[in-house]
N, C-alpha and C. Protein backbone atom coordinates (compact mmCIF):
# COMPACT_ATOMS: atom_id res chain seq x y z
N MET A 1 -84.44 -23.78 -1.83
CA MET A 1 -83.42 -23.87 -2.86
C MET A 1 -82.88 -22.48 -3.16
N GLN A 2 -81.58 -22.39 -3.26
CA GLN A 2 -80.93 -21.11 -3.48
C GLN A 2 -80.93 -20.74 -4.96
N GLN A 3 -81.14 -19.46 -5.25
CA GLN A 3 -81.15 -18.95 -6.61
C GLN A 3 -79.74 -19.02 -7.20
N ARG A 4 -79.61 -19.49 -8.44
CA ARG A 4 -78.31 -19.54 -9.12
C ARG A 4 -78.21 -18.38 -10.09
N TYR A 5 -77.02 -17.81 -10.20
CA TYR A 5 -76.77 -16.67 -11.07
C TYR A 5 -75.59 -16.96 -11.98
N ILE A 6 -75.57 -16.26 -13.11
CA ILE A 6 -74.43 -16.33 -14.01
C ILE A 6 -73.90 -14.92 -14.21
N ARG A 7 -72.62 -14.76 -13.94
CA ARG A 7 -71.99 -13.45 -14.05
C ARG A 7 -71.48 -13.24 -15.48
N LEU A 8 -71.16 -12.00 -15.78
CA LEU A 8 -70.71 -11.64 -17.12
C LEU A 8 -69.47 -12.43 -17.52
N ALA A 9 -68.55 -12.65 -16.61
CA ALA A 9 -67.32 -13.39 -16.92
C ALA A 9 -67.61 -14.82 -17.34
N GLU A 10 -68.69 -15.40 -16.86
CA GLU A 10 -69.07 -16.75 -17.24
C GLU A 10 -69.91 -16.76 -18.53
N LEU A 11 -70.56 -15.66 -18.80
CA LEU A 11 -71.46 -15.57 -19.95
C LEU A 11 -70.71 -15.22 -21.23
N ALA A 12 -69.86 -14.20 -21.17
CA ALA A 12 -69.15 -13.72 -22.36
C ALA A 12 -67.74 -14.30 -22.41
N SER A 13 -67.18 -14.33 -23.60
CA SER A 13 -65.84 -14.84 -23.80
C SER A 13 -64.83 -13.71 -23.87
N THR A 14 -63.63 -14.01 -23.46
CA THR A 14 -62.50 -13.09 -23.58
C THR A 14 -61.40 -13.84 -24.33
N PRO A 15 -60.34 -13.15 -24.76
CA PRO A 15 -59.28 -13.86 -25.48
C PRO A 15 -58.67 -15.03 -24.71
N LYS A 16 -58.67 -14.95 -23.39
CA LYS A 16 -58.04 -16.00 -22.59
C LYS A 16 -59.02 -17.03 -22.05
N VAL A 17 -60.29 -16.65 -21.89
CA VAL A 17 -61.27 -17.54 -21.27
C VAL A 17 -62.53 -17.62 -22.13
N ALA A 18 -62.93 -18.84 -22.46
CA ALA A 18 -64.15 -19.03 -23.23
C ALA A 18 -65.35 -18.99 -22.29
N GLY A 19 -66.35 -18.22 -22.66
CA GLY A 19 -67.57 -18.13 -21.87
C GLY A 19 -68.67 -18.99 -22.46
N ARG A 20 -69.84 -18.83 -21.93
CA ARG A 20 -71.01 -19.57 -22.42
C ARG A 20 -71.33 -19.19 -23.86
N TRP A 21 -71.17 -17.92 -24.20
CA TRP A 21 -71.40 -17.42 -25.55
C TRP A 21 -70.08 -16.89 -26.12
N PRO A 22 -69.83 -17.05 -27.40
CA PRO A 22 -68.59 -16.53 -27.99
C PRO A 22 -68.71 -15.06 -28.40
N VAL A 23 -69.11 -14.24 -27.46
CA VAL A 23 -69.22 -12.80 -27.69
C VAL A 23 -68.47 -12.09 -26.58
N SER A 24 -68.07 -10.85 -26.84
CA SER A 24 -67.33 -10.08 -25.85
C SER A 24 -68.28 -9.54 -24.77
N PRO A 25 -67.72 -9.17 -23.62
CA PRO A 25 -68.54 -8.53 -22.59
C PRO A 25 -69.22 -7.26 -23.10
N ALA A 26 -68.53 -6.51 -23.94
CA ALA A 26 -69.13 -5.29 -24.48
C ALA A 26 -70.37 -5.59 -25.31
N THR A 27 -70.35 -6.69 -26.05
CA THR A 27 -71.52 -7.08 -26.84
C THR A 27 -72.70 -7.42 -25.95
N VAL A 28 -72.42 -8.12 -24.85
CA VAL A 28 -73.51 -8.44 -23.91
C VAL A 28 -74.14 -7.16 -23.39
N TRP A 29 -73.30 -6.19 -23.02
CA TRP A 29 -73.85 -4.92 -22.52
C TRP A 29 -74.60 -4.17 -23.61
N ARG A 30 -74.17 -4.25 -24.87
CA ARG A 30 -74.91 -3.62 -25.97
C ARG A 30 -76.29 -4.26 -26.11
N TRP A 31 -76.34 -5.59 -25.94
CA TRP A 31 -77.62 -6.29 -26.03
C TRP A 31 -78.54 -5.91 -24.88
N VAL A 32 -77.99 -5.70 -23.71
CA VAL A 32 -78.81 -5.25 -22.56
C VAL A 32 -79.35 -3.86 -22.86
N LYS A 33 -78.49 -2.98 -23.35
CA LYS A 33 -78.91 -1.61 -23.66
C LYS A 33 -79.98 -1.58 -24.75
N ALA A 34 -79.85 -2.49 -25.72
CA ALA A 34 -80.82 -2.54 -26.82
C ALA A 34 -82.11 -3.25 -26.42
N GLY A 35 -82.15 -3.84 -25.24
CA GLY A 35 -83.35 -4.54 -24.78
C GLY A 35 -83.44 -5.98 -25.26
N ILE A 36 -82.37 -6.48 -25.85
CA ILE A 36 -82.36 -7.85 -26.33
C ILE A 36 -82.21 -8.82 -25.17
N LEU A 37 -81.38 -8.46 -24.22
CA LEU A 37 -81.21 -9.23 -22.98
C LEU A 37 -81.79 -8.43 -21.83
N PRO A 38 -82.29 -9.10 -20.81
CA PRO A 38 -82.82 -8.37 -19.65
C PRO A 38 -81.69 -7.76 -18.82
N ASN A 39 -82.03 -6.78 -18.03
CA ASN A 39 -81.06 -6.18 -17.13
C ASN A 39 -80.61 -7.20 -16.08
N PRO A 40 -79.34 -7.16 -15.69
CA PRO A 40 -78.89 -8.07 -14.65
C PRO A 40 -79.38 -7.63 -13.27
N VAL A 41 -79.25 -8.53 -12.32
CA VAL A 41 -79.63 -8.26 -10.93
C VAL A 41 -78.39 -7.81 -10.18
N ARG A 42 -78.51 -6.79 -9.36
CA ARG A 42 -77.37 -6.32 -8.56
C ARG A 42 -77.25 -7.19 -7.32
N LEU A 43 -76.09 -7.86 -7.18
CA LEU A 43 -75.84 -8.72 -6.04
C LEU A 43 -75.01 -8.04 -4.97
N GLY A 44 -74.33 -6.98 -5.33
CA GLY A 44 -73.50 -6.23 -4.40
C GLY A 44 -73.17 -4.88 -5.00
N PRO A 45 -72.34 -4.10 -4.33
CA PRO A 45 -72.03 -2.76 -4.84
C PRO A 45 -71.41 -2.76 -6.23
N GLN A 46 -70.60 -3.77 -6.53
CA GLN A 46 -69.95 -3.83 -7.85
C GLN A 46 -70.15 -5.18 -8.53
N VAL A 47 -71.19 -5.89 -8.15
CA VAL A 47 -71.43 -7.23 -8.70
C VAL A 47 -72.84 -7.30 -9.26
N VAL A 48 -72.92 -7.66 -10.56
CA VAL A 48 -74.22 -7.90 -11.18
C VAL A 48 -74.18 -9.26 -11.85
N ALA A 49 -75.33 -9.89 -11.97
CA ALA A 49 -75.44 -11.20 -12.60
C ALA A 49 -76.87 -11.41 -13.06
N TRP A 50 -77.04 -12.40 -13.92
CA TRP A 50 -78.36 -12.76 -14.40
C TRP A 50 -78.77 -14.07 -13.76
N PRO A 51 -80.02 -14.21 -13.35
CA PRO A 51 -80.49 -15.52 -12.89
C PRO A 51 -80.32 -16.53 -14.02
N ILE A 52 -79.81 -17.69 -13.72
CA ILE A 52 -79.53 -18.69 -14.75
C ILE A 52 -80.80 -19.07 -15.50
N GLU A 53 -81.93 -19.05 -14.83
CA GLU A 53 -83.20 -19.37 -15.49
C GLU A 53 -83.54 -18.36 -16.57
N VAL A 54 -83.20 -17.09 -16.34
CA VAL A 54 -83.48 -16.04 -17.32
C VAL A 54 -82.63 -16.27 -18.57
N ILE A 55 -81.36 -16.58 -18.38
CA ILE A 55 -80.47 -16.82 -19.52
C ILE A 55 -80.92 -18.05 -20.30
N GLU A 56 -81.24 -19.13 -19.60
CA GLU A 56 -81.68 -20.35 -20.27
C GLU A 56 -83.00 -20.14 -21.00
N ALA A 57 -83.92 -19.41 -20.39
CA ALA A 57 -85.19 -19.11 -21.05
C ALA A 57 -84.98 -18.26 -22.29
N HIS A 58 -84.06 -17.31 -22.19
CA HIS A 58 -83.76 -16.45 -23.33
C HIS A 58 -83.14 -17.26 -24.47
N GLU A 59 -82.23 -18.16 -24.15
CA GLU A 59 -81.62 -19.00 -25.18
C GLU A 59 -82.66 -19.89 -25.85
N THR A 60 -83.56 -20.44 -25.06
CA THR A 60 -84.61 -21.29 -25.60
C THR A 60 -85.57 -20.49 -26.48
N ALA A 61 -85.95 -19.33 -26.00
CA ALA A 61 -86.90 -18.50 -26.75
C ALA A 61 -86.32 -17.99 -28.05
N THR A 62 -85.03 -17.80 -28.09
CA THR A 62 -84.41 -17.23 -29.29
C THR A 62 -83.84 -18.30 -30.21
N THR A 63 -84.02 -19.56 -29.88
CA THR A 63 -83.54 -20.70 -30.67
C THR A 63 -82.15 -20.47 -31.24
N GLY A 64 -81.20 -20.62 -30.38
CA GLY A 64 -79.81 -20.49 -30.80
C GLY A 64 -79.38 -19.05 -31.00
N MET A 65 -80.12 -18.13 -30.45
CA MET A 65 -79.79 -16.71 -30.50
C MET A 65 -79.92 -16.10 -31.89
N ALA A 66 -80.55 -16.79 -32.83
CA ALA A 66 -80.74 -16.24 -34.16
C ALA A 66 -81.58 -14.97 -34.10
N TYR A 67 -82.54 -14.94 -33.20
CA TYR A 67 -83.38 -13.76 -33.02
C TYR A 67 -82.53 -12.55 -32.64
N VAL A 68 -81.54 -12.76 -31.79
CA VAL A 68 -80.67 -11.65 -31.36
C VAL A 68 -79.91 -11.10 -32.55
N VAL A 69 -79.36 -11.97 -33.37
CA VAL A 69 -78.61 -11.52 -34.53
C VAL A 69 -79.49 -10.71 -35.46
N ASN A 70 -80.69 -11.21 -35.71
CA ASN A 70 -81.60 -10.50 -36.61
C ASN A 70 -82.01 -9.16 -36.04
N THR A 71 -82.26 -9.10 -34.75
CA THR A 71 -82.65 -7.85 -34.12
C THR A 71 -81.53 -6.83 -34.19
N VAL A 72 -80.32 -7.25 -33.85
CA VAL A 72 -79.17 -6.34 -33.91
C VAL A 72 -78.95 -5.89 -35.34
N ALA A 73 -79.04 -6.81 -36.28
CA ALA A 73 -78.81 -6.47 -37.68
C ALA A 73 -79.82 -5.43 -38.17
N LYS A 74 -81.07 -5.58 -37.78
CA LYS A 74 -82.09 -4.61 -38.18
C LYS A 74 -81.83 -3.25 -37.58
N GLN A 75 -81.40 -3.22 -36.32
CA GLN A 75 -81.15 -1.94 -35.66
C GLN A 75 -79.97 -1.21 -36.28
N ARG A 76 -79.01 -1.94 -36.79
CA ARG A 76 -77.79 -1.32 -37.29
C ARG A 76 -77.63 -1.42 -38.81
N ALA A 77 -78.68 -1.83 -39.50
CA ALA A 77 -78.57 -2.08 -40.94
C ALA A 77 -78.13 -0.85 -41.71
N ALA A 78 -78.64 0.30 -41.36
CA ALA A 78 -78.29 1.51 -42.08
C ALA A 78 -76.80 1.83 -41.97
N ALA A 79 -76.24 1.59 -40.81
CA ALA A 79 -74.84 1.92 -40.58
C ALA A 79 -73.89 0.82 -41.06
N LYS A 80 -74.40 -0.39 -41.21
CA LYS A 80 -73.57 -1.55 -41.58
C LYS A 80 -72.32 -1.61 -40.71
N SER A 81 -72.55 -1.55 -39.44
CA SER A 81 -71.44 -1.44 -38.50
C SER A 81 -70.67 -2.74 -38.35
N VAL A 82 -69.50 -2.61 -37.84
CA VAL A 82 -68.65 -3.75 -37.54
C VAL A 82 -69.29 -4.61 -36.46
N GLU A 83 -69.99 -3.99 -35.53
CA GLU A 83 -70.62 -4.72 -34.43
C GLU A 83 -71.63 -5.74 -34.95
N VAL A 84 -72.36 -5.40 -35.98
CA VAL A 84 -73.35 -6.32 -36.54
C VAL A 84 -72.66 -7.53 -37.14
N ARG A 85 -71.60 -7.28 -37.88
CA ARG A 85 -70.88 -8.39 -38.48
C ARG A 85 -70.29 -9.29 -37.40
N ARG A 86 -69.78 -8.69 -36.34
CA ARG A 86 -69.24 -9.49 -35.23
C ARG A 86 -70.35 -10.29 -34.55
N ALA A 87 -71.50 -9.67 -34.35
CA ALA A 87 -72.62 -10.37 -33.71
C ALA A 87 -73.08 -11.54 -34.58
N LYS A 88 -73.13 -11.33 -35.89
CA LYS A 88 -73.54 -12.42 -36.79
C LYS A 88 -72.55 -13.58 -36.71
N ARG A 89 -71.26 -13.25 -36.75
CA ARG A 89 -70.25 -14.32 -36.66
C ARG A 89 -70.35 -15.04 -35.32
N ALA A 90 -70.59 -14.30 -34.26
CA ALA A 90 -70.70 -14.92 -32.94
C ALA A 90 -71.91 -15.85 -32.88
N MET A 91 -73.03 -15.42 -33.44
CA MET A 91 -74.22 -16.25 -33.42
C MET A 91 -74.05 -17.47 -34.30
N GLU A 92 -73.35 -17.34 -35.41
CA GLU A 92 -73.07 -18.50 -36.25
C GLU A 92 -72.21 -19.51 -35.48
N ALA A 93 -71.27 -19.00 -34.70
CA ALA A 93 -70.43 -19.89 -33.89
C ALA A 93 -71.27 -20.60 -32.85
N ILE A 94 -72.23 -19.89 -32.25
CA ILE A 94 -73.11 -20.52 -31.26
C ILE A 94 -73.93 -21.62 -31.92
N ASN A 95 -74.49 -21.33 -33.08
CA ASN A 95 -75.31 -22.32 -33.77
C ASN A 95 -74.49 -23.54 -34.20
N GLU A 96 -73.23 -23.33 -34.56
CA GLU A 96 -72.37 -24.45 -34.96
C GLU A 96 -72.05 -25.35 -33.77
N THR A 97 -71.88 -24.76 -32.59
CA THR A 97 -71.53 -25.55 -31.41
C THR A 97 -72.74 -26.22 -30.80
N ALA A 98 -73.92 -25.72 -31.11
CA ALA A 98 -75.15 -26.30 -30.51
C ALA A 98 -75.57 -27.56 -31.20
């Protein structure tokens, strides 16, 4: 059986295309940098993706991604950044659609 992957364009949303999560690609990369999401696998010189099992396991483990919102909020609480508010709104949207 061949391994299935999900690329960033399928995972994150853009103004024109809805992704699996209602967050921007930049937010996904911030979560990778913060250790909230695992690093993607390099499939080619300019292509990275996550194994679909990793994403599904992460969604299950975080129960609607609430854990991600709380983690990001704690990391940025002192700064009260715009990114935290955006992440909270995105996670609320995920929970509403689930």
